Amino acid sequence: MTTEIRTALAQYIAKEILQQPKRVIAPDAPLISSGLIDSFHLVDLGLFVEDKFGVRIDDAELNKETFDTIEQLTAIIVERQ
């Protein structure tokens, strides 16, 4: 299950946010702290997570401490499903 979540997140980020559908994003690659994703796209990613996986993401969680890697995001999703 976690592999499917990681894959869906990486594909969404590559295709919809970065506009680079063939780009591979490692599960532990920093997304926010590296500048790969900005605050506007972070909101889009949060909405994608809520719609795709049916979990609630609090606005206060949209930060690099809890949302910086696909691994962190996957853990939040699994915990709340």
N, C-alpha and C. Protein backbone atom coordinates (compact mmCIF):
# COMPACT_ATOMS: atom_id res chain seq x y z
N MET A 1 0.82 -1.20 0.00
CA MET A 1 0.00 0.00 0.00
C MET A 1 0.86 1.26 0.00
N THR A 2 1.90 1.28 0.82
CA THR A 2 2.74 2.48 0.88
C THR A 2 3.46 2.73 -0.45
N THR A 3 3.80 1.67 -1.16
CA THR A 3 4.45 1.84 -2.46
C THR A 3 3.52 2.53 -3.44
N GLU A 4 2.24 2.15 -3.43
CA GLU A 4 1.27 2.77 -4.32
C GLU A 4 1.07 4.24 -3.97
N ILE A 5 1.06 4.55 -2.68
CA ILE A 5 0.90 5.94 -2.24
C ILE A 5 2.11 6.75 -2.69
N ARG A 6 3.31 6.24 -2.44
CA ARG A 6 4.53 6.94 -2.85
C ARG A 6 4.53 7.19 -4.36
N THR A 7 4.17 6.18 -5.12
CA THR A 7 4.15 6.31 -6.58
C THR A 7 3.16 7.37 -7.03
N ALA A 8 1.96 7.34 -6.46
CA ALA A 8 0.93 8.33 -6.83
C ALA A 8 1.39 9.74 -6.50
N LEU A 9 2.01 9.92 -5.33
CA LEU A 9 2.49 11.24 -4.94
C LEU A 9 3.61 11.72 -5.86
N ALA A 10 4.56 10.85 -6.13
CA ALA A 10 5.69 11.23 -6.99
C ALA A 10 5.20 11.57 -8.40
N GLN A 11 4.27 10.79 -8.92
CA GLN A 11 3.75 11.06 -10.26
C GLN A 11 2.98 12.37 -10.30
N TYR A 12 2.19 12.64 -9.28
CA TYR A 12 1.44 13.90 -9.24
C TYR A 12 2.39 15.09 -9.19
N ILE A 13 3.38 15.01 -8.32
CA ILE A 13 4.33 16.11 -8.18
C ILE A 13 5.07 16.34 -9.50
N ALA A 14 5.56 15.27 -10.10
CA ALA A 14 6.32 15.39 -11.35
C ALA A 14 5.46 15.95 -12.48
N LYS A 15 4.28 15.41 -12.64
CA LYS A 15 3.43 15.79 -13.77
C LYS A 15 2.71 17.11 -13.56
N GLU A 16 2.02 17.26 -12.44
CA GLU A 16 1.15 18.40 -12.24
C GLU A 16 1.86 19.63 -11.67
N ILE A 17 2.80 19.43 -10.79
CA ILE A 17 3.46 20.57 -10.15
C ILE A 17 4.71 20.99 -10.92
N LEU A 18 5.57 20.02 -11.22
CA LEU A 18 6.84 20.36 -11.88
C LEU A 18 6.72 20.41 -13.40
N GLN A 19 5.61 19.86 -13.92
CA GLN A 19 5.40 19.81 -15.37
C GLN A 19 6.52 19.03 -16.07
N GLN A 20 7.03 18.00 -15.37
CA GLN A 20 8.08 17.12 -15.89
C GLN A 20 7.67 15.67 -15.64
N PRO A 21 6.72 15.15 -16.44
CA PRO A 21 6.14 13.84 -16.14
C PRO A 21 7.13 12.68 -16.05
N LYS A 22 8.27 12.80 -16.67
CA LYS A 22 9.25 11.70 -16.63
C LYS A 22 10.24 11.82 -15.48
N ARG A 23 10.16 12.90 -14.73
CA ARG A 23 11.09 13.11 -13.63
C ARG A 23 10.82 12.11 -12.51
N VAL A 24 11.88 11.55 -11.97
CA VAL A 24 11.78 10.60 -10.87
C VAL A 24 12.12 11.35 -9.58
N ILE A 25 11.23 11.23 -8.61
CA ILE A 25 11.44 11.90 -7.33
C ILE A 25 11.61 10.83 -6.26
N ALA A 26 12.76 10.84 -5.61
CA ALA A 26 13.04 9.85 -4.56
C ALA A 26 12.14 10.10 -3.35
N PRO A 27 11.75 9.03 -2.65
CA PRO A 27 10.88 9.18 -1.49
C PRO A 27 11.46 10.07 -0.39
N ASP A 28 12.79 10.15 -0.31
CA ASP A 28 13.41 10.96 0.75
C ASP A 28 13.95 12.30 0.23
N ALA A 29 13.63 12.64 -1.01
CA ALA A 29 14.10 13.91 -1.58
C ALA A 29 13.34 15.07 -0.93
N PRO A 30 14.06 16.11 -0.48
CA PRO A 30 13.38 17.26 0.12
C PRO A 30 12.58 18.02 -0.94
N LEU A 31 11.33 18.26 -0.66
CA LEU A 31 10.46 18.94 -1.61
C LEU A 31 10.38 20.44 -1.33
N ILE A 32 10.14 20.79 -0.08
CA ILE A 32 9.94 22.19 0.29
C ILE A 32 11.28 22.85 0.61
N SER A 33 12.06 22.22 1.47
CA SER A 33 13.32 22.84 1.90
C SER A 33 14.31 23.01 0.76
N SER A 34 14.16 22.23 -0.32
CA SER A 34 15.03 22.37 -1.47
C SER A 34 14.51 23.40 -2.47
N GLY A 35 13.28 23.84 -2.27
CA GLY A 35 12.67 24.78 -3.20
C GLY A 35 11.99 24.12 -4.38
N LEU A 36 11.92 22.80 -4.39
CA LEU A 36 11.27 22.08 -5.48
C LEU A 36 9.78 22.43 -5.55
N ILE A 37 9.16 22.54 -4.38
CA ILE A 37 7.75 22.90 -4.29
C ILE A 37 7.64 24.20 -3.50
N ASP A 38 6.88 25.15 -4.03
CA ASP A 38 6.67 26.40 -3.31
C ASP A 38 5.34 26.35 -2.55
N SER A 39 5.04 27.41 -1.84
CA SER A 39 3.85 27.42 -0.98
C SER A 39 2.55 27.28 -1.76
N PHE A 40 2.50 27.83 -2.97
CA PHE A 40 1.28 27.70 -3.77
C PHE A 40 1.05 26.25 -4.17
N HIS A 41 2.11 25.59 -4.60
CA HIS A 41 1.98 24.19 -5.00
C HIS A 41 1.78 23.27 -3.80
N LEU A 42 2.22 23.70 -2.66
CA LEU A 42 2.02 22.91 -1.44
C LEU A 42 0.53 22.77 -1.14
N VAL A 43 -0.20 23.84 -1.33
CA VAL A 43 -1.65 23.80 -1.13
C VAL A 43 -2.28 22.84 -2.13
N ASP A 44 -1.84 22.91 -3.38
CA ASP A 44 -2.35 21.98 -4.41
C ASP A 44 -2.07 20.53 -4.02
N LEU A 45 -0.88 20.29 -3.52
CA LEU A 45 -0.51 18.94 -3.10
C LEU A 45 -1.39 18.48 -1.93
N GLY A 46 -1.62 19.37 -0.98
CA GLY A 46 -2.51 19.04 0.14
C GLY A 46 -3.91 18.68 -0.32
N LEU A 47 -4.44 19.43 -1.27
CA LEU A 47 -5.77 19.14 -1.82
C LEU A 47 -5.78 17.81 -2.56
N PHE A 48 -4.72 17.53 -3.31
CA PHE A 48 -4.61 16.25 -4.01
C PHE A 48 -4.65 15.10 -3.00
N VAL A 49 -3.89 15.22 -1.93
CA VAL A 49 -3.84 14.17 -0.90
C VAL A 49 -5.23 13.95 -0.31
N GLU A 50 -5.91 15.04 0.01
CA GLU A 50 -7.25 14.89 0.59
C GLU A 50 -8.21 14.22 -0.37
N ASP A 51 -8.18 14.63 -1.64
CA ASP A 51 -9.10 14.06 -2.64
C ASP A 51 -8.75 12.62 -2.98
N LYS A 52 -7.47 12.35 -3.22
CA LYS A 52 -7.04 11.03 -3.68
C LYS A 52 -7.11 9.96 -2.59
N PHE A 53 -6.71 10.34 -1.37
CA PHE A 53 -6.57 9.34 -0.31
C PHE A 53 -7.61 9.47 0.80
N GLY A 54 -8.46 10.48 0.73
CA GLY A 54 -9.54 10.63 1.70
C GLY A 54 -9.08 10.93 3.11
N VAL A 55 -7.97 11.64 3.24
CA VAL A 55 -7.49 12.02 4.57
C VAL A 55 -7.52 13.53 4.70
N ARG A 56 -7.67 14.01 5.90
CA ARG A 56 -7.71 15.45 6.17
C ARG A 56 -6.31 15.95 6.51
N ILE A 57 -5.89 17.00 5.83
CA ILE A 57 -4.60 17.63 6.11
C ILE A 57 -4.90 19.02 6.67
N ASP A 58 -4.48 19.27 7.87
CA ASP A 58 -4.67 20.57 8.49
C ASP A 58 -3.74 21.60 7.85
N ASP A 59 -4.21 22.81 7.70
CA ASP A 59 -3.38 23.86 7.10
C ASP A 59 -2.05 24.05 7.83
N ALA A 60 -2.06 23.87 9.13
CA ALA A 60 -0.84 24.02 9.93
C ALA A 60 0.19 22.94 9.60
N GLU A 61 -0.23 21.85 8.98
CA GLU A 61 0.68 20.77 8.62
C GLU A 61 1.37 21.00 7.27
N LEU A 62 0.95 21.98 6.55
CA LEU A 62 1.54 22.27 5.24
C LEU A 62 2.84 23.04 5.42
N ASN A 63 3.86 22.34 5.89
CA ASN A 63 5.16 22.97 6.14
C ASN A 63 6.26 21.92 5.97
N LYS A 64 7.50 22.38 5.98
CA LYS A 64 8.62 21.47 5.73
C LYS A 64 8.88 20.50 6.89
N GLU A 65 8.38 20.79 8.07
CA GLU A 65 8.60 19.88 9.20
C GLU A 65 7.78 18.59 9.06
N THR A 66 6.61 18.68 8.46
CA THR A 66 5.75 17.50 8.36
C THR A 66 5.50 17.04 6.94
N PHE A 67 5.86 17.85 5.96
CA PHE A 67 5.42 17.61 4.59
C PHE A 67 6.57 17.71 3.60
N ASP A 68 7.82 17.55 4.04
CA ASP A 68 8.96 17.87 3.17
C ASP A 68 9.36 16.75 2.23
N THR A 69 9.01 15.52 2.53
CA THR A 69 9.38 14.41 1.65
C THR A 69 8.15 13.54 1.36
N ILE A 70 8.26 12.77 0.32
CA ILE A 70 7.19 11.83 0.00
C ILE A 70 7.05 10.81 1.12
N GLU A 71 8.17 10.44 1.74
CA GLU A 71 8.13 9.51 2.89
C GLU A 71 7.27 10.08 4.03
N GLN A 72 7.51 11.33 4.39
CA GLN A 72 6.74 11.96 5.46
C GLN A 72 5.26 12.01 5.11
N LEU A 73 4.98 12.40 3.91
CA LEU A 73 3.60 12.51 3.46
C LEU A 73 2.92 11.16 3.43
N THR A 74 3.62 10.15 2.98
CA THR A 74 3.08 8.79 2.96
C THR A 74 2.75 8.32 4.38
N ALA A 75 3.62 8.61 5.34
CA ALA A 75 3.38 8.22 6.73
C ALA A 75 2.12 8.88 7.28
N ILE A 76 1.90 10.13 6.95
CA ILE A 76 0.70 10.84 7.40
C ILE A 76 -0.55 10.18 6.79
N ILE A 77 -0.48 9.89 5.52
CA ILE A 77 -1.62 9.28 4.83
C ILE A 77 -1.96 7.91 5.42
N VAL A 78 -0.94 7.06 5.59
CA VAL A 78 -1.15 5.72 6.14
C VAL A 78 -1.72 5.80 7.56
N GLU A 79 -1.20 6.70 8.35
CA GLU A 79 -1.67 6.86 9.73
C GLU A 79 -3.14 7.25 9.80
N ARG A 80 -3.60 8.01 8.82
CA ARG A 80 -4.97 8.54 8.87
C ARG A 80 -6.00 7.75 8.07
N GLN A 81 -5.54 6.77 7.34
CA GLN A 81 -6.50 5.99 6.56
C GLN A 81 -7.17 4.94 7.41
